[in-house]
N, C-alpha and C. Protein backbone atom coordinates (compact mmCIF):
# COMPACT_ATOMS: atom_id res chain seq x y z
N MET A 1 0.85 -1.18 0.00
CA MET A 1 0.00 0.00 0.00
C MET A 1 0.89 1.24 0.00
N MET A 2 0.47 2.27 -0.71
CA MET A 2 1.25 3.51 -0.76
C MET A 2 1.06 4.30 0.53
N SER A 3 2.02 5.15 0.81
CA SER A 3 1.94 5.97 2.01
C SER A 3 0.85 7.03 1.87
N ALA A 4 0.42 7.56 2.99
CA ALA A 4 -0.59 8.62 2.98
C ALA A 4 -0.07 9.84 2.23
N GLU A 5 1.20 10.14 2.38
CA GLU A 5 1.79 11.29 1.71
C GLU A 5 1.76 11.11 0.19
N GLU A 6 2.09 9.90 -0.27
CA GLU A 6 2.04 9.62 -1.72
C GLU A 6 0.61 9.76 -2.25
N ARG A 7 -0.35 9.23 -1.49
CA ARG A 7 -1.75 9.29 -1.92
C ARG A 7 -2.23 10.74 -2.00
N VAL A 8 -1.90 11.55 -1.00
CA VAL A 8 -2.31 12.96 -1.00
C VAL A 8 -1.70 13.68 -2.20
N LYS A 9 -0.44 13.40 -2.51
CA LYS A 9 0.21 14.03 -3.67
C LYS A 9 -0.48 13.64 -4.97
N ILE A 10 -0.76 12.35 -5.14
CA ILE A 10 -1.42 11.87 -6.35
C ILE A 10 -2.81 12.47 -6.49
N LEU A 11 -3.58 12.47 -5.42
CA LEU A 11 -4.94 13.02 -5.47
C LEU A 11 -4.91 14.52 -5.73
N GLY A 12 -3.97 15.22 -5.11
CA GLY A 12 -3.88 16.67 -5.30
C GLY A 12 -3.47 17.07 -6.70
N GLU A 13 -2.71 16.22 -7.38
CA GLU A 13 -2.25 16.53 -8.74
C GLU A 13 -3.18 16.02 -9.83
N ALA A 14 -4.19 15.25 -9.45
CA ALA A 14 -5.12 14.67 -10.43
C ALA A 14 -6.03 15.74 -11.03
N GLN A 15 -6.47 15.48 -12.24
CA GLN A 15 -7.39 16.38 -12.95
C GLN A 15 -8.70 16.49 -12.17
N PRO A 16 -9.15 17.70 -11.82
CA PRO A 16 -10.43 17.84 -11.12
C PRO A 16 -11.58 17.23 -11.93
N ASN A 17 -12.54 16.68 -11.20
CA ASN A 17 -13.74 16.08 -11.78
C ASN A 17 -13.42 14.92 -12.73
N SER A 18 -12.39 14.15 -12.37
CA SER A 18 -12.03 12.95 -13.13
C SER A 18 -12.00 11.77 -12.16
N TRP A 19 -11.79 10.59 -12.71
CA TRP A 19 -11.74 9.37 -11.91
C TRP A 19 -10.34 8.79 -11.93
N LEU A 20 -9.87 8.32 -10.76
CA LEU A 20 -8.62 7.58 -10.66
C LEU A 20 -8.95 6.16 -10.23
N ALA A 21 -8.22 5.20 -10.79
CA ALA A 21 -8.38 3.80 -10.40
C ALA A 21 -7.09 3.35 -9.74
N PHE A 22 -7.21 2.89 -8.51
CA PHE A 22 -6.08 2.33 -7.78
C PHE A 22 -6.14 0.81 -7.88
N SER A 23 -4.97 0.16 -7.79
CA SER A 23 -4.94 -1.30 -7.77
C SER A 23 -5.69 -1.80 -6.54
N SER A 24 -6.12 -3.04 -6.58
CA SER A 24 -6.92 -3.59 -5.48
C SER A 24 -6.15 -3.61 -4.16
N ASP A 25 -4.81 -3.63 -4.23
CA ASP A 25 -4.01 -3.56 -3.00
C ASP A 25 -3.62 -2.12 -2.65
N GLU A 26 -4.13 -1.17 -3.43
CA GLU A 26 -3.92 0.27 -3.22
C GLU A 26 -2.45 0.68 -3.29
N SER A 27 -1.64 -0.06 -4.04
CA SER A 27 -0.22 0.25 -4.11
C SER A 27 0.15 1.20 -5.25
N LYS A 28 -0.77 1.37 -6.23
CA LYS A 28 -0.44 2.23 -7.38
C LYS A 28 -1.71 2.64 -8.12
N VAL A 29 -1.57 3.69 -8.93
CA VAL A 29 -2.65 4.10 -9.82
C VAL A 29 -2.55 3.23 -11.07
N VAL A 30 -3.69 2.60 -11.44
CA VAL A 30 -3.69 1.71 -12.60
C VAL A 30 -4.56 2.23 -13.74
N GLY A 31 -5.26 3.33 -13.50
CA GLY A 31 -6.10 3.88 -14.55
C GLY A 31 -6.64 5.23 -14.17
N ARG A 32 -7.15 5.92 -15.18
CA ARG A 32 -7.78 7.23 -14.97
C ARG A 32 -8.71 7.49 -16.13
N GLY A 33 -9.64 8.40 -15.95
CA GLY A 33 -10.55 8.74 -17.02
C GLY A 33 -11.49 9.85 -16.64
N ALA A 34 -12.12 10.42 -17.65
CA ALA A 34 -13.10 11.49 -17.42
C ALA A 34 -14.38 10.93 -16.82
N THR A 35 -14.62 9.63 -17.04
CA THR A 35 -15.81 8.97 -16.51
C THR A 35 -15.39 7.73 -15.73
N TYR A 36 -16.30 7.22 -14.91
CA TYR A 36 -16.08 5.99 -14.16
C TYR A 36 -15.73 4.86 -15.13
N SER A 37 -16.51 4.73 -16.19
CA SER A 37 -16.30 3.65 -17.17
C SER A 37 -14.93 3.73 -17.83
N GLU A 38 -14.50 4.94 -18.17
CA GLU A 38 -13.18 5.11 -18.78
C GLU A 38 -12.07 4.67 -17.82
N ALA A 39 -12.20 5.03 -16.55
CA ALA A 39 -11.18 4.66 -15.57
C ALA A 39 -11.16 3.15 -15.35
N VAL A 40 -12.34 2.51 -15.30
CA VAL A 40 -12.40 1.06 -15.16
C VAL A 40 -11.78 0.37 -16.37
N ALA A 41 -12.09 0.86 -17.57
CA ALA A 41 -11.52 0.28 -18.79
C ALA A 41 -10.00 0.46 -18.82
N ASP A 42 -9.51 1.62 -18.40
CA ASP A 42 -8.07 1.87 -18.37
C ASP A 42 -7.40 0.92 -17.38
N ALA A 43 -8.02 0.72 -16.22
CA ALA A 43 -7.48 -0.21 -15.23
C ALA A 43 -7.42 -1.63 -15.80
N ALA A 44 -8.47 -2.04 -16.50
CA ALA A 44 -8.51 -3.38 -17.10
C ALA A 44 -7.40 -3.53 -18.14
N ARG A 45 -7.16 -2.49 -18.95
CA ARG A 45 -6.08 -2.53 -19.93
C ARG A 45 -4.72 -2.69 -19.25
N ASN A 46 -4.64 -2.20 -18.01
CA ASN A 46 -3.39 -2.30 -17.25
C ASN A 46 -3.36 -3.53 -16.34
N GLY A 47 -4.31 -4.46 -16.55
CA GLY A 47 -4.29 -5.73 -15.84
C GLY A 47 -5.00 -5.77 -14.51
N GLU A 48 -5.70 -4.71 -14.15
CA GLU A 48 -6.42 -4.69 -12.86
C GLU A 48 -7.91 -4.90 -13.10
N GLU A 49 -8.42 -6.02 -12.62
CA GLU A 49 -9.84 -6.35 -12.83
C GLU A 49 -10.73 -5.92 -11.66
N ASP A 50 -10.14 -5.51 -10.53
CA ASP A 50 -10.93 -5.13 -9.35
C ASP A 50 -10.38 -3.83 -8.76
N PRO A 51 -10.41 -2.73 -9.53
CA PRO A 51 -9.81 -1.48 -9.06
C PRO A 51 -10.65 -0.79 -7.98
N ILE A 52 -9.99 0.07 -7.26
CA ILE A 52 -10.65 0.95 -6.30
C ILE A 52 -10.74 2.31 -6.98
N LEU A 53 -11.97 2.81 -7.18
CA LEU A 53 -12.19 4.05 -7.92
C LEU A 53 -12.42 5.23 -6.99
N VAL A 54 -11.84 6.37 -7.37
CA VAL A 54 -11.97 7.61 -6.61
C VAL A 54 -12.36 8.72 -7.56
N LEU A 55 -13.43 9.44 -7.24
CA LEU A 55 -13.82 10.62 -8.01
C LEU A 55 -13.09 11.82 -7.43
N ILE A 56 -12.32 12.52 -8.26
CA ILE A 56 -11.58 13.69 -7.81
C ILE A 56 -12.54 14.88 -7.81
N PRO A 57 -12.67 15.57 -6.69
CA PRO A 57 -13.61 16.70 -6.63
C PRO A 57 -13.13 17.89 -7.47
N THR A 58 -14.05 18.77 -7.78
CA THR A 58 -13.68 19.98 -8.52
C THR A 58 -12.85 20.92 -7.64
N SER A 59 -12.98 20.79 -6.34
CA SER A 59 -12.22 21.61 -5.39
C SER A 59 -11.99 20.79 -4.12
N TRP A 60 -10.85 20.98 -3.50
CA TRP A 60 -10.56 20.29 -2.25
C TRP A 60 -10.95 21.15 -1.05
N ASP A 61 -11.66 22.24 -1.29
CA ASP A 61 -12.15 23.05 -0.17
C ASP A 61 -13.14 22.23 0.64
N ALA A 62 -13.01 22.29 1.95
CA ALA A 62 -13.98 21.60 2.81
C ALA A 62 -15.25 22.44 2.89
N LYS A 63 -16.36 21.79 2.94
CA LYS A 63 -17.65 22.48 2.99
C LYS A 63 -18.44 21.99 4.19
N VAL A 64 -19.25 22.86 4.73
CA VAL A 64 -20.18 22.50 5.79
C VAL A 64 -21.58 22.77 5.24
N TYR A 65 -22.44 21.76 5.32
CA TYR A 65 -23.81 21.90 4.81
C TYR A 65 -24.75 22.13 5.97
N PHE A 66 -25.56 23.20 5.87
CA PHE A 66 -26.48 23.55 6.94
C PHE A 66 -27.81 23.94 6.32
N LEU A 67 -28.84 23.17 6.56
CA LEU A 67 -30.19 23.43 6.07
C LEU A 67 -30.21 23.71 4.56
N GLY A 68 -29.47 22.90 3.81
CA GLY A 68 -29.49 23.02 2.36
C GLY A 68 -28.58 24.08 1.80
N SER A 69 -27.90 24.83 2.65
CA SER A 69 -26.97 25.87 2.18
C SER A 69 -25.54 25.37 2.34
N THR A 70 -24.65 25.86 1.50
CA THR A 70 -23.25 25.49 1.61
C THR A 70 -22.47 26.68 2.16
N VAL A 71 -21.68 26.42 3.17
CA VAL A 71 -20.83 27.44 3.78
C VAL A 71 -19.41 26.91 3.74
N GLN A 72 -18.49 27.67 3.13
CA GLN A 72 -17.11 27.22 3.08
C GLN A 72 -16.51 27.33 4.48
N ALA A 73 -15.98 26.22 4.98
CA ALA A 73 -15.45 26.22 6.33
C ALA A 73 -13.96 26.54 6.36
N PHE A 74 -13.19 25.89 5.51
CA PHE A 74 -11.75 26.14 5.46
C PHE A 74 -11.20 25.54 4.18
N HIS A 75 -9.98 25.90 3.86
CA HIS A 75 -9.32 25.42 2.64
C HIS A 75 -8.20 24.45 3.01
N ILE A 76 -8.13 23.33 2.33
CA ILE A 76 -7.04 22.37 2.52
C ILE A 76 -6.05 22.60 1.38
N PRO A 77 -4.84 23.02 1.71
CA PRO A 77 -3.85 23.32 0.66
C PRO A 77 -3.42 22.08 -0.10
């Protein structure tokens, strides 16, 4: 499994609003795509049949939801 620091770096550098596919043992990125299906297909092309998929948010800003409204709480660099 990759370290937390490696994972944070990979996630932070990924294209916003895209999908990353990690190997089933979470040791490496095995695929990526604009859609879930593209990332799964890319992982399969790279030999991973059971990837762990992560949707990269458009922003890493933390949000607090209160009665249907969004209030920005803080920013994660």
